[in-house]
Amino acid sequence: MEVQALTRNTRMSPKKVREVARQIQGRKVTAAVDLLALIPRKSARLLLKTLKSAIANAENNPKVNLTADQLWVHRALIENGSSLRRFKAGPRGTAMPRHKKMSHIRIVLSDEAKKN
C-alpha cells in the first residue's frame, strides 16, 4: 500500500532539493527522519516536514492503518513549480530579470522495500 504527501510551491530551487532527496530514497522512514534531522540545509527541513506529513497520513488513514516502523521511502519526487519573476537594476539604468524558482515536493511511502 502506498501513501503520499505533497508540498507545493516551496521557495527553493528544485536542483537544491533533489540533492538531499536522493539520499533518502529506499530507506526506512525512521532512518530517513534521523538523516534529515542531521543535514544542515533548508531543503532538508522542507523534506522533513513533508515526510512527517506522509507518516501522519499513513498512521491516521483508517483504510491503510500502518505504523512508521513498517514504512519505506518509495519515492521522493521533486518537480518544477512556477517561478517568481523579479527585476534588479542593471547597467545604464536597465532592468535585469531574475527568476526565483520554486518546487513541488512529493514523497511516496510504501510498506514494502523498493527492489532495484
C-alpha atoms as a PDB file:
ATOM      1  CA  MET A   1       0.000   0.000   0.000  1.00  0.00           C
ATOM      2  CA  GLU A   2       1.309   3.439  -0.895  1.00  0.00           C
ATOM      3  CA  VAL A   3       0.730   6.707   0.931  1.00  0.00           C
ATOM      4  CA  GLN A   4       1.900  10.114  -0.223  1.00  0.00           C
ATOM      5  CA  ALA A   5       2.236  13.726   0.875  1.00  0.00           C
ATOM      6  CA  LEU A   6       2.669  16.784  -1.312  1.00  0.00           C
ATOM      7  CA  THR A   7       4.098  20.212  -0.541  1.00  0.00           C
ATOM      8  CA  ARG A   8       3.553  22.731  -3.301  1.00  0.00           C
ATOM      9  CA  ASN A   9       5.336  25.974  -4.177  1.00  0.00           C
ATOM     10  CA  THR A  10       8.265  25.727  -1.789  1.00  0.00           C
ATOM     11  CA  ARG A  11      10.584  28.683  -2.286  1.00  0.00           C
ATOM     12  CA  MET A  12      13.680  26.693  -3.191  1.00  0.00           C
ATOM     13  CA  SER A  13      15.234  25.599  -6.438  1.00  0.00           C
ATOM     14  CA  PRO A  14      14.371  22.004  -7.439  1.00  0.00           C
ATOM     15  CA  LYS A  15      18.045  21.247  -8.066  1.00  0.00           C
ATOM     16  CA  LYS A  16      18.952  22.049  -4.458  1.00  0.00           C
ATOM     17  CA  VAL A  17      16.110  19.942  -3.064  1.00  0.00           C
ATOM     18  CA  ARG A  18      16.917  16.957  -5.322  1.00  0.00           C
ATOM     19  CA  GLU A  19      20.447  16.730  -3.882  1.00  0.00           C
ATOM     20  CA  VAL A  20      19.022  15.901  -0.465  1.00  0.00           C
ATOM     21  CA  ALA A  21      16.021  13.908  -1.738  1.00  0.00           C
ATOM     22  CA  ARG A  22      18.298  11.355  -3.437  1.00  0.00           C
ATOM     23  CA  GLN A  23      19.780  10.452  -0.058  1.00  0.00           C
ATOM     24  CA  ILE A  24      16.509   9.293   1.496  1.00  0.00           C
ATOM     25  CA  GLN A  25      15.054   7.186  -1.327  1.00  0.00           C
ATOM     26  CA  GLY A  26      14.902   3.497  -0.496  1.00  0.00           C
ATOM     27  CA  ARG A  27      15.484   3.979   3.240  1.00  0.00           C
ATOM     28  CA  LYS A  28      13.278   3.081   6.160  1.00  0.00           C
ATOM     29  CA  VAL A  29      11.214   6.026   7.327  1.00  0.00           C
ATOM     30  CA  THR A  30      12.779   6.163  10.782  1.00  0.00           C
ATOM     31  CA  ALA A  31      16.282   6.254   9.282  1.00  0.00           C
ATOM     32  CA  ALA A  32      15.238   8.937   6.777  1.00  0.00           C
ATOM     33  CA  VAL A  33      13.845  11.151   9.556  1.00  0.00           C
ATOM     34  CA  ASP A  34      17.069  10.800  11.542  1.00  0.00           C
ATOM     35  CA  LEU A  35      19.181  11.579   8.464  1.00  0.00           C
ATOM     36  CA  LEU A  36      17.167  14.671   7.503  1.00  0.00           C
ATOM     37  CA  ALA A  37      17.351  15.994  11.064  1.00  0.00           C
ATOM     38  CA  LEU A  38      21.173  15.971  10.831  1.00  0.00           C
ATOM     39  CA  ILE A  39      21.547  17.672   7.428  1.00  0.00           C
ATOM     40  CA  PRO A  40      22.001  21.452   7.935  1.00  0.00           C
ATOM     41  CA  ARG A  41      20.198  22.672   4.804  1.00  0.00           C
ATOM     42  CA  LYS A  42      16.880  24.389   4.214  1.00  0.00           C
ATOM     43  CA  SER A  43      15.924  21.699   1.715  1.00  0.00           C
ATOM     44  CA  ALA A  44      16.332  19.048   4.422  1.00  0.00           C
ATOM     45  CA  ARG A  45      13.879  20.928   6.652  1.00  0.00           C
ATOM     46  CA  LEU A  46      11.346  21.114   3.815  1.00  0.00           C
ATOM     47  CA  LEU A  47      11.726  17.399   3.057  1.00  0.00           C
ATOM     48  CA  LEU A  48      11.440  16.512   6.748  1.00  0.00           C
ATOM     49  CA  LYS A  49       8.192  18.465   7.019  1.00  0.00           C
ATOM     50  CA  THR A  50       6.738  16.657   4.002  1.00  0.00           C
ATOM     51  CA  LEU A  51       7.987  13.264   5.241  1.00  0.00           C
ATOM     52  CA  LYS A  52       6.344  13.768   8.633  1.00  0.00           C
ATOM     53  CA  SER A  53       3.115  14.685   6.846  1.00  0.00           C
ATOM     54  CA  ALA A  54       3.275  11.463   4.823  1.00  0.00           C
ATOM     55  CA  ILE A  55       3.860   9.454   8.017  1.00  0.00           C
ATOM     56  CA  ALA A  56       0.829  11.103   9.628  1.00  0.00           C
ATOM     57  CA  ASN A  57      -1.233  10.325   6.527  1.00  0.00           C
ATOM     58  CA  ALA A  58      -0.285   6.650   6.810  1.00  0.00           C
ATOM     59  CA  GLU A  59      -0.963   6.383  10.544  1.00  0.00           C
ATOM     60  CA  ASN A  60      -4.270   8.268  10.595  1.00  0.00           C
ATOM     61  CA  ASN A  61      -5.886   6.827   7.470  1.00  0.00           C
ATOM     62  CA  PRO A  62      -8.296   4.059   8.587  1.00  0.00           C
ATOM     63  CA  LYS A  63      -8.076   2.286   5.216  1.00  0.00           C
ATOM     64  CA  VAL A  64      -4.284   1.957   5.395  1.00  0.00           C
ATOM     65  CA  ASN A  65      -3.585   1.665   9.150  1.00  0.00           C
ATOM     66  CA  LEU A  66       0.239   1.472   9.039  1.00  0.00           C
ATOM     67  CA  THR A  67       2.867   2.484  11.581  1.00  0.00           C
ATOM     68  CA  ALA A  68       6.118   4.311  10.904  1.00  0.00           C
ATOM     69  CA  ASP A  69       8.150   1.159  11.621  1.00  0.00           C
ATOM     70  CA  GLN A  70       6.585  -0.629   8.650  1.00  0.00           C
ATOM     71  CA  LEU A  71       7.158   2.129   6.083  1.00  0.00           C
ATOM     72  CA  TRP A  72       9.868   2.761   3.493  1.00  0.00           C
ATOM     73  CA  VAL A  73      10.500   5.852   1.375  1.00  0.00           C
ATOM     74  CA  HIS A  74       9.465   4.531  -2.018  1.00  0.00           C
ATOM     75  CA  ARG A  75       9.969   7.759  -3.995  1.00  0.00           C
ATOM     76  CA  ALA A  76      10.895  11.360  -3.282  1.00  0.00           C
ATOM     77  CA  LEU A  77       9.888  13.351  -6.356  1.00  0.00           C
ATOM     78  CA  ILE A  78      10.915  16.965  -6.789  1.00  0.00           C
ATOM     79  CA  GLU A  79       9.040  18.701  -9.577  1.00  0.00           C
ATOM     80  CA  ASN A  80       9.447  22.160 -11.047  1.00  0.00           C
ATOM     81  CA  GLY A  81       6.991  24.721  -9.776  1.00  0.00           C
ATOM     82  CA  SER A  82       6.253  28.143 -11.139  1.00  0.00           C
ATOM     83  CA  SER A  83       8.926  30.813 -10.895  1.00  0.00           C
ATOM     84  CA  LEU A  84       8.721  34.284  -9.437  1.00  0.00           C
ATOM     85  CA  ARG A  85       9.822  36.946 -11.870  1.00  0.00           C
ATOM     86  CA  ARG A  86      11.610  39.890 -10.308  1.00  0.00           C
ATOM     87  CA  PHE A  87      13.794  42.652 -11.691  1.00  0.00           C
ATOM     88  CA  LYS A  88      17.070  44.025 -10.403  1.00  0.00           C
ATOM     89  CA  ALA A  89      18.901  47.139 -11.504  1.00  0.00           C
ATOM     90  CA  GLY A  90      21.315  46.560 -14.358  1.00  0.00           C
ATOM     91  CA  PRO A  91      23.898  48.722 -16.075  1.00  0.00           C
ATOM     92  CA  ARG A  92      22.940  52.090 -17.601  1.00  0.00           C
ATOM     93  CA  GLY A  93      19.552  52.219 -15.914  1.00  0.00           C
ATOM     94  CA  THR A  94      18.230  48.967 -17.361  1.00  0.00           C
ATOM     95  CA  ALA A  95      16.329  46.263 -15.534  1.00  0.00           C
ATOM     96  CA  MET A  96      17.767  42.748 -15.465  1.00  0.00           C
ATOM     97  CA  PRO A  97      15.295  39.867 -14.889  1.00  0.00           C
ATOM     98  CA  ARG A  98      15.696  37.397 -12.027  1.00  0.00           C
ATOM     99  CA  HIS A  99      13.823  34.105 -11.995  1.00  0.00           C
ATOM    100  CA  LYS A 100      13.342  32.719  -8.492  1.00  0.00           C
ATOM    101  CA  LYS A 101      12.467  29.068  -8.897  1.00  0.00           C
ATOM    102  CA  MET A 102      10.002  27.107  -6.789  1.00  0.00           C
ATOM    103  CA  SER A 103       9.461  23.388  -6.455  1.00  0.00           C
ATOM    104  CA  HIS A 104       6.812  20.822  -5.569  1.00  0.00           C
ATOM    105  CA  ILE A 105       7.856  18.046  -3.172  1.00  0.00           C
ATOM    106  CA  ARG A 106       6.050  14.686  -3.355  1.00  0.00           C
ATOM    107  CA  ILE A 107       7.046  11.853  -1.004  1.00  0.00           C
ATOM    108  CA  VAL A 108       5.561   8.400  -1.553  1.00  0.00           C
ATOM    109  CA  LEU A 109       5.806   5.851   1.260  1.00  0.00           C
ATOM    110  CA  SER A 110       5.265   2.138   0.857  1.00  0.00           C
ATOM    111  CA  ASP A 111       5.060  -0.828   3.208  1.00  0.00           C
ATOM    112  CA  GLU A 112       7.449  -2.826   1.008  1.00  0.00           C
ATOM    113  CA  ALA A 113      11.136  -2.215   0.375  1.00  0.00           C
ATOM    114  CA  LYS A 114      11.935  -0.943  -3.114  1.00  0.00           C
ATOM    115  CA  LYS A 115      13.561  -3.660  -5.193  1.00  0.00           C
ATOM    116  CA  ASN A 116      16.133  -2.365  -7.693  1.00  0.00           C
END
